[in-house]
N, C-alpha and C. Protein backbone atom coordinates (compact mmCIF):
# COMPACT_ATOMS: atom_id res chain seq x y z
N MET A 1 -16.76 4.90 -1.07
CA MET A 1 -15.58 5.52 -0.52
C MET A 1 -14.93 4.61 0.52
N ASN A 2 -15.77 3.83 1.27
CA ASN A 2 -15.21 2.89 2.25
C ASN A 2 -14.32 1.86 1.56
N ARG A 3 -14.72 1.42 0.37
CA ARG A 3 -13.90 0.45 -0.35
C ARG A 3 -12.56 1.05 -0.74
N LEU A 4 -12.60 2.30 -1.20
CA LEU A 4 -11.35 2.97 -1.56
C LEU A 4 -10.48 3.13 -0.33
N ALA A 5 -11.06 3.55 0.78
CA ALA A 5 -10.29 3.74 2.01
C ALA A 5 -9.70 2.41 2.47
N ALA A 6 -10.48 1.34 2.40
CA ALA A 6 -9.99 0.03 2.81
C ALA A 6 -8.85 -0.43 1.91
N ALA A 7 -9.01 -0.24 0.61
CA ALA A 7 -7.97 -0.67 -0.32
C ALA A 7 -6.71 0.17 -0.17
N VAL A 8 -6.89 1.47 -0.03
CA VAL A 8 -5.72 2.32 0.17
C VAL A 8 -5.06 1.96 1.48
N GLY A 9 -5.88 1.61 2.47
CA GLY A 9 -5.33 1.19 3.75
C GLY A 9 -4.47 -0.05 3.62
N LEU A 10 -4.83 -0.93 2.73
CA LEU A 10 -4.04 -2.13 2.48
C LEU A 10 -2.73 -1.83 1.77
N VAL A 11 -2.80 -0.79 0.98
CA VAL A 11 -1.76 -0.52 0.02
C VAL A 11 -0.33 -0.52 0.53
N PHE A 12 -0.06 -0.35 1.80
CA PHE A 12 1.35 -0.21 2.14
C PHE A 12 1.83 -1.00 3.32
N CYS A 13 2.58 -2.01 3.01
CA CYS A 13 3.18 -2.83 4.02
C CYS A 13 4.39 -3.50 3.41
N VAL A 14 5.41 -3.80 4.21
CA VAL A 14 6.56 -4.45 3.62
C VAL A 14 7.24 -5.36 4.60
N SER A 15 7.67 -6.48 4.12
CA SER A 15 8.42 -7.42 4.92
C SER A 15 9.87 -7.33 4.51
N LEU A 16 10.75 -7.43 5.45
CA LEU A 16 12.17 -7.28 5.15
C LEU A 16 12.77 -8.58 4.60
N CYS A 17 11.93 -9.43 4.06
CA CYS A 17 12.40 -10.70 3.51
C CYS A 17 13.09 -10.52 2.17
N GLY A 18 13.20 -9.32 1.68
CA GLY A 18 13.87 -9.07 0.42
C GLY A 18 13.15 -7.99 -0.34
N SER A 19 13.87 -7.29 -1.15
CA SER A 19 13.28 -6.18 -1.89
C SER A 19 13.16 -6.52 -3.36
N ALA A 20 12.06 -6.11 -3.96
CA ALA A 20 11.86 -6.30 -5.39
C ALA A 20 12.28 -5.05 -6.15
N PHE A 21 12.90 -4.11 -5.47
CA PHE A 21 13.30 -2.85 -6.08
C PHE A 21 14.80 -2.79 -6.22
N ALA A 22 15.26 -2.16 -7.28
CA ALA A 22 16.69 -1.94 -7.45
C ALA A 22 17.15 -0.91 -6.43
N ALA A 23 18.44 -0.89 -6.14
CA ALA A 23 18.98 -0.03 -5.10
C ALA A 23 18.68 1.45 -5.34
N SER A 24 18.56 1.88 -6.58
CA SER A 24 18.33 3.30 -6.87
C SER A 24 16.86 3.68 -6.86
N GLU A 25 15.96 2.73 -6.71
CA GLU A 25 14.53 3.01 -6.70
C GLU A 25 14.03 3.14 -5.27
N PRO A 26 12.96 3.91 -5.07
CA PRO A 26 12.36 3.98 -3.73
C PRO A 26 11.92 2.58 -3.29
N ASP A 27 12.13 2.23 -2.04
CA ASP A 27 11.80 0.90 -1.55
C ASP A 27 10.82 0.99 -0.38
N PRO A 28 9.54 0.67 -0.62
CA PRO A 28 8.54 0.73 0.45
C PRO A 28 8.50 -0.54 1.30
N SER A 29 9.39 -1.48 1.07
CA SER A 29 9.36 -2.76 1.79
C SER A 29 9.40 -2.57 3.30
N GLY A 30 8.63 -3.37 4.00
CA GLY A 30 8.63 -3.33 5.45
C GLY A 30 7.23 -3.39 6.02
N VAL A 31 7.14 -3.15 7.30
CA VAL A 31 5.86 -3.12 8.00
C VAL A 31 5.56 -1.68 8.35
N TRP A 32 4.33 -1.24 8.06
CA TRP A 32 3.93 0.15 8.21
C TRP A 32 2.66 0.29 9.03
N ASN A 33 2.61 1.32 9.86
CA ASN A 33 1.41 1.66 10.64
C ASN A 33 0.65 2.76 9.89
N ARG A 34 -0.64 2.54 9.68
CA ARG A 34 -1.45 3.56 9.03
C ARG A 34 -1.67 4.73 9.98
N GLY A 35 -1.69 5.92 9.44
CA GLY A 35 -1.78 7.15 10.23
C GLY A 35 -2.98 7.22 11.16
N ASP A 36 -4.10 6.59 10.81
CA ASP A 36 -5.29 6.64 11.67
C ASP A 36 -5.23 5.61 12.80
N GLY A 37 -4.16 4.81 12.83
CA GLY A 37 -3.99 3.82 13.90
C GLY A 37 -4.83 2.57 13.75
N ASN A 38 -5.53 2.41 12.64
CA ASN A 38 -6.43 1.27 12.49
C ASN A 38 -5.81 0.06 11.79
N ALA A 39 -4.63 0.21 11.20
CA ALA A 39 -4.07 -0.91 10.44
C ALA A 39 -2.56 -0.92 10.47
N LYS A 40 -2.04 -2.13 10.31
CA LYS A 40 -0.61 -2.36 10.13
C LYS A 40 -0.50 -3.28 8.92
N VAL A 41 0.35 -2.91 7.96
CA VAL A 41 0.49 -3.70 6.75
C VAL A 41 1.94 -4.06 6.49
N ARG A 42 2.13 -5.13 5.74
CA ARG A 42 3.46 -5.56 5.33
C ARG A 42 3.53 -5.44 3.82
N ILE A 43 4.53 -4.75 3.30
CA ILE A 43 4.75 -4.63 1.86
C ILE A 43 5.96 -5.50 1.54
N ALA A 44 5.76 -6.41 0.61
CA ALA A 44 6.82 -7.36 0.27
C ALA A 44 6.60 -7.88 -1.15
N PRO A 45 7.66 -8.40 -1.75
CA PRO A 45 7.52 -9.00 -3.06
C PRO A 45 6.56 -10.19 -3.03
N CYS A 46 5.81 -10.34 -4.12
CA CYS A 46 4.96 -11.53 -4.29
C CYS A 46 4.98 -11.86 -5.78
N GLY A 47 5.78 -12.82 -6.13
CA GLY A 47 5.98 -13.12 -7.55
C GLY A 47 6.68 -11.95 -8.20
N SER A 48 6.19 -11.51 -9.34
CA SER A 48 6.79 -10.37 -10.05
C SER A 48 6.18 -9.04 -9.60
N ASN A 49 5.27 -9.09 -8.64
CA ASN A 49 4.60 -7.89 -8.13
C ASN A 49 5.02 -7.58 -6.70
N ILE A 50 4.37 -6.59 -6.14
CA ILE A 50 4.55 -6.22 -4.73
C ILE A 50 3.18 -6.36 -4.07
N CYS A 51 3.14 -6.98 -2.91
CA CYS A 51 1.87 -7.14 -2.21
C CYS A 51 1.89 -6.38 -0.90
N ALA A 52 0.79 -5.73 -0.62
CA ALA A 52 0.55 -5.09 0.66
C ALA A 52 -0.50 -5.94 1.36
N THR A 53 -0.14 -6.48 2.52
CA THR A 53 -1.02 -7.40 3.23
C THR A 53 -1.29 -6.89 4.62
N ASN A 54 -2.57 -6.85 4.99
CA ASN A 54 -2.93 -6.45 6.35
C ASN A 54 -2.41 -7.50 7.33
N VAL A 55 -1.64 -7.05 8.33
CA VAL A 55 -1.16 -7.96 9.36
C VAL A 55 -1.82 -7.67 10.71
N TRP A 56 -2.49 -6.53 10.83
CA TRP A 56 -3.22 -6.19 12.05
C TRP A 56 -4.28 -5.14 11.71
N ILE A 57 -5.50 -5.35 12.19
CA ILE A 57 -6.60 -4.40 12.02
C ILE A 57 -7.25 -4.18 13.37
N LYS A 58 -7.39 -2.92 13.77
CA LYS A 58 -8.01 -2.60 15.05
C LYS A 58 -9.53 -2.71 14.97
N ASP A 59 -10.14 -2.09 13.95
CA ASP A 59 -11.60 -2.06 13.81
C ASP A 59 -11.95 -2.66 12.46
N THR A 60 -12.59 -3.81 12.47
CA THR A 60 -12.93 -4.50 11.23
C THR A 60 -14.30 -4.11 10.68
N SER A 61 -15.00 -3.17 11.31
CA SER A 61 -16.35 -2.81 10.87
C SER A 61 -16.37 -2.18 9.47
N GLY A 62 -15.25 -1.67 9.00
CA GLY A 62 -15.18 -1.08 7.66
C GLY A 62 -14.92 -2.10 6.56
N GLY A 63 -14.89 -3.38 6.92
CA GLY A 63 -14.69 -4.42 5.92
C GLY A 63 -13.26 -4.90 5.78
N GLU A 64 -12.32 -4.28 6.48
CA GLU A 64 -10.93 -4.71 6.41
C GLU A 64 -10.72 -5.91 7.33
N ALA A 65 -9.81 -6.79 6.92
CA ALA A 65 -9.51 -7.98 7.71
C ALA A 65 -8.03 -8.31 7.59
N VAL A 66 -7.50 -8.96 8.61
CA VAL A 66 -6.13 -9.46 8.55
C VAL A 66 -6.06 -10.44 7.38
N GLY A 67 -5.00 -10.31 6.60
CA GLY A 67 -4.83 -11.18 5.44
C GLY A 67 -5.30 -10.56 4.14
N ASP A 68 -6.13 -9.51 4.20
CA ASP A 68 -6.52 -8.83 2.96
C ASP A 68 -5.26 -8.35 2.27
N LYS A 69 -5.28 -8.44 0.94
CA LYS A 69 -4.07 -8.16 0.18
C LYS A 69 -4.37 -7.22 -0.98
N LEU A 70 -3.41 -6.39 -1.30
CA LEU A 70 -3.44 -5.53 -2.47
C LEU A 70 -2.22 -5.90 -3.30
N VAL A 71 -2.42 -6.25 -4.55
CA VAL A 71 -1.34 -6.65 -5.44
C VAL A 71 -0.99 -5.45 -6.32
N MET A 72 0.25 -4.98 -6.18
CA MET A 72 0.66 -3.75 -6.87
C MET A 72 1.72 -4.01 -7.94
N THR A 73 1.56 -3.32 -9.05
CA THR A 73 2.55 -3.28 -10.11
C THR A 73 3.05 -1.85 -10.13
N LEU A 74 4.28 -1.63 -9.66
CA LEU A 74 4.81 -0.28 -9.47
C LEU A 74 6.09 -0.07 -10.28
N LYS A 75 6.25 1.16 -10.75
CA LYS A 75 7.47 1.57 -11.44
C LYS A 75 7.91 2.91 -10.88
N PRO A 76 9.21 3.21 -10.92
CA PRO A 76 9.68 4.50 -10.42
C PRO A 76 9.08 5.66 -11.22
N LYS A 77 8.64 6.66 -10.48
CA LYS A 77 8.14 7.89 -11.10
C LYS A 77 9.15 9.02 -10.88
N SER A 78 9.81 8.99 -9.72
CA SER A 78 10.86 9.97 -9.39
C SER A 78 11.78 9.30 -8.37
N ALA A 79 12.72 10.06 -7.82
CA ALA A 79 13.69 9.52 -6.88
C ALA A 79 13.05 8.97 -5.61
N ASP A 80 11.86 9.46 -5.24
CA ASP A 80 11.21 8.99 -4.00
C ASP A 80 9.80 8.46 -4.20
N THR A 81 9.35 8.32 -5.45
CA THR A 81 7.96 7.95 -5.71
C THR A 81 7.85 6.82 -6.72
N LEU A 82 6.95 5.88 -6.42
CA LEU A 82 6.59 4.80 -7.32
C LEU A 82 5.14 5.01 -7.74
N SER A 83 4.79 4.58 -8.94
CA SER A 83 3.39 4.69 -9.35
C SER A 83 3.04 3.49 -10.21
N GLY A 84 1.74 3.22 -10.30
CA GLY A 84 1.28 2.09 -11.09
C GLY A 84 -0.14 1.74 -10.75
N LYS A 85 -0.42 0.44 -10.75
CA LYS A 85 -1.76 -0.07 -10.49
C LYS A 85 -1.76 -0.96 -9.26
N ALA A 86 -2.90 -0.99 -8.58
CA ALA A 86 -3.08 -1.87 -7.43
C ALA A 86 -4.39 -2.61 -7.62
N PHE A 87 -4.34 -3.93 -7.49
CA PHE A 87 -5.54 -4.76 -7.63
C PHE A 87 -5.94 -5.29 -6.27
N ASP A 88 -7.20 -5.09 -5.92
CA ASP A 88 -7.77 -5.58 -4.67
C ASP A 88 -8.63 -6.80 -5.00
N PRO A 89 -8.11 -8.03 -4.80
CA PRO A 89 -8.88 -9.23 -5.17
C PRO A 89 -10.16 -9.40 -4.36
N LYS A 90 -10.19 -8.94 -3.12
CA LYS A 90 -11.39 -9.08 -2.28
C LYS A 90 -12.57 -8.31 -2.86
N ARG A 91 -12.28 -7.13 -3.40
CA ARG A 91 -13.34 -6.26 -3.93
C ARG A 91 -13.39 -6.26 -5.46
N ASP A 92 -12.43 -6.98 -6.09
CA ASP A 92 -12.32 -7.05 -7.54
C ASP A 92 -12.26 -5.65 -8.16
N LEU A 93 -11.42 -4.79 -7.57
CA LEU A 93 -11.23 -3.42 -8.04
C LEU A 93 -9.76 -3.14 -8.33
N THR A 94 -9.52 -2.33 -9.34
CA THR A 94 -8.17 -1.89 -9.67
C THR A 94 -8.09 -0.39 -9.46
N TYR A 95 -7.01 0.06 -8.83
CA TYR A 95 -6.80 1.46 -8.49
C TYR A 95 -5.52 1.95 -9.16
N ALA A 96 -5.49 3.22 -9.48
CA ALA A 96 -4.22 3.87 -9.81
C ALA A 96 -3.59 4.18 -8.46
N ILE A 97 -2.30 3.90 -8.30
CA ILE A 97 -1.65 4.07 -6.99
C ILE A 97 -0.34 4.82 -7.15
N GLN A 98 -0.05 5.62 -6.15
CA GLN A 98 1.24 6.31 -6.07
C GLN A 98 1.76 6.13 -4.64
N VAL A 99 3.04 5.80 -4.52
CA VAL A 99 3.66 5.55 -3.22
C VAL A 99 4.89 6.44 -3.11
N LYS A 100 4.88 7.33 -2.12
CA LYS A 100 6.03 8.20 -1.88
C LYS A 100 6.75 7.71 -0.64
N VAL A 101 8.03 7.37 -0.78
CA VAL A 101 8.84 6.85 0.31
C VAL A 101 9.76 7.96 0.80
N ALA A 102 9.67 8.28 2.10
CA ALA A 102 10.52 9.33 2.68
C ALA A 102 11.06 8.83 4.02
N GLY A 103 12.09 7.97 3.96
CA GLY A 103 12.70 7.44 5.18
C GLY A 103 11.72 6.60 5.99
N GLU A 104 11.37 7.09 7.16
CA GLU A 104 10.47 6.36 8.07
C GLU A 104 9.00 6.68 7.80
N ARG A 105 8.73 7.42 6.75
CA ARG A 105 7.37 7.82 6.39
C ARG A 105 7.04 7.35 4.98
N LEU A 106 5.76 7.13 4.77
CA LEU A 106 5.26 6.68 3.49
C LEU A 106 3.94 7.40 3.27
N VAL A 107 3.68 7.83 2.05
CA VAL A 107 2.38 8.41 1.70
C VAL A 107 1.87 7.64 0.49
N THR A 108 0.66 7.13 0.60
CA THR A 108 0.05 6.43 -0.53
C THR A 108 -1.13 7.24 -1.02
N ARG A 109 -1.35 7.18 -2.32
CA ARG A 109 -2.50 7.86 -2.91
C ARG A 109 -3.12 6.90 -3.90
N GLY A 110 -4.37 6.53 -3.64
CA GLY A 110 -5.11 5.63 -4.51
C GLY A 110 -6.26 6.36 -5.15
N CYS A 111 -6.50 6.07 -6.44
CA CYS A 111 -7.57 6.74 -7.19
C CYS A 111 -8.39 5.72 -7.97
N ILE A 112 -9.68 6.02 -8.10
CA ILE A 112 -10.58 5.24 -8.94
C ILE A 112 -11.31 6.22 -9.85
N ALA A 113 -12.13 5.70 -10.73
CA ALA A 113 -12.96 6.51 -11.63
C ALA A 113 -12.12 7.49 -12.43
N GLY A 114 -11.01 7.01 -12.97
CA GLY A 114 -10.17 7.84 -13.81
C GLY A 114 -9.53 9.01 -13.07
N GLY A 115 -9.34 8.86 -11.77
CA GLY A 115 -8.71 9.90 -10.97
C GLY A 115 -9.69 10.90 -10.38
N LEU A 116 -10.99 10.66 -10.54
CA LEU A 116 -12.00 11.57 -9.99
C LEU A 116 -12.17 11.40 -8.49
N VAL A 117 -11.92 10.20 -7.98
CA VAL A 117 -12.05 9.92 -6.55
C VAL A 117 -10.69 9.39 -6.07
N CYS A 118 -10.02 10.17 -5.22
CA CYS A 118 -8.70 9.79 -4.72
C CYS A 118 -8.65 9.95 -3.21
N LYS A 119 -7.76 9.19 -2.59
CA LYS A 119 -7.54 9.30 -1.15
C LYS A 119 -6.06 9.08 -0.87
N SER A 120 -5.50 9.95 -0.03
CA SER A 120 -4.12 9.79 0.41
C SER A 120 -4.10 9.29 1.84
N VAL A 121 -3.11 8.46 2.15
CA VAL A 121 -2.97 7.89 3.49
C VAL A 121 -1.50 8.04 3.91
N ASN A 122 -1.28 8.49 5.13
CA ASN A 122 0.06 8.61 5.71
C ASN A 122 0.38 7.35 6.50
N TRP A 123 1.64 6.93 6.45
CA TRP A 123 2.10 5.73 7.12
C TRP A 123 3.42 6.05 7.85
N SER A 124 3.68 5.31 8.92
CA SER A 124 4.99 5.40 9.60
C SER A 124 5.52 3.99 9.74
N ARG A 125 6.83 3.86 9.64
CA ARG A 125 7.45 2.54 9.73
C ARG A 125 7.22 1.96 11.12
N ALA A 126 6.78 0.71 11.17
CA ALA A 126 6.56 0.02 12.45
C ALA A 126 7.90 -0.37 13.05
N ARG A 127 7.97 -0.36 14.36
CA ARG A 127 9.19 -0.73 15.08
C ARG A 127 9.13 -2.17 15.49
């Protein structure tokens, strides 16, 4: 479960260096603070995918580190939600991921084991 939490924690960060999303799709790009206060991530385009990269970690005892990355392949699911797959190269795990964008808030939900084990994480846009 720690691996899932760490990966989901990575899942959402964005840099304003450009968006890989069309104007009508939800755009999670930017820098986001995780709800538990332990991480700050940047979500930005990386090649044809979207990467969530840890830019700050308060407590590294759970295995998270600055620079850890989650590579996401996302498609629109609804007007405010993207869904797809997220690959964590550090742990060599692939997750089903859903990202809901609501203005200054973001909710991510990552699942493994065919959706039997899932975790949601709340995020707020960093200032």
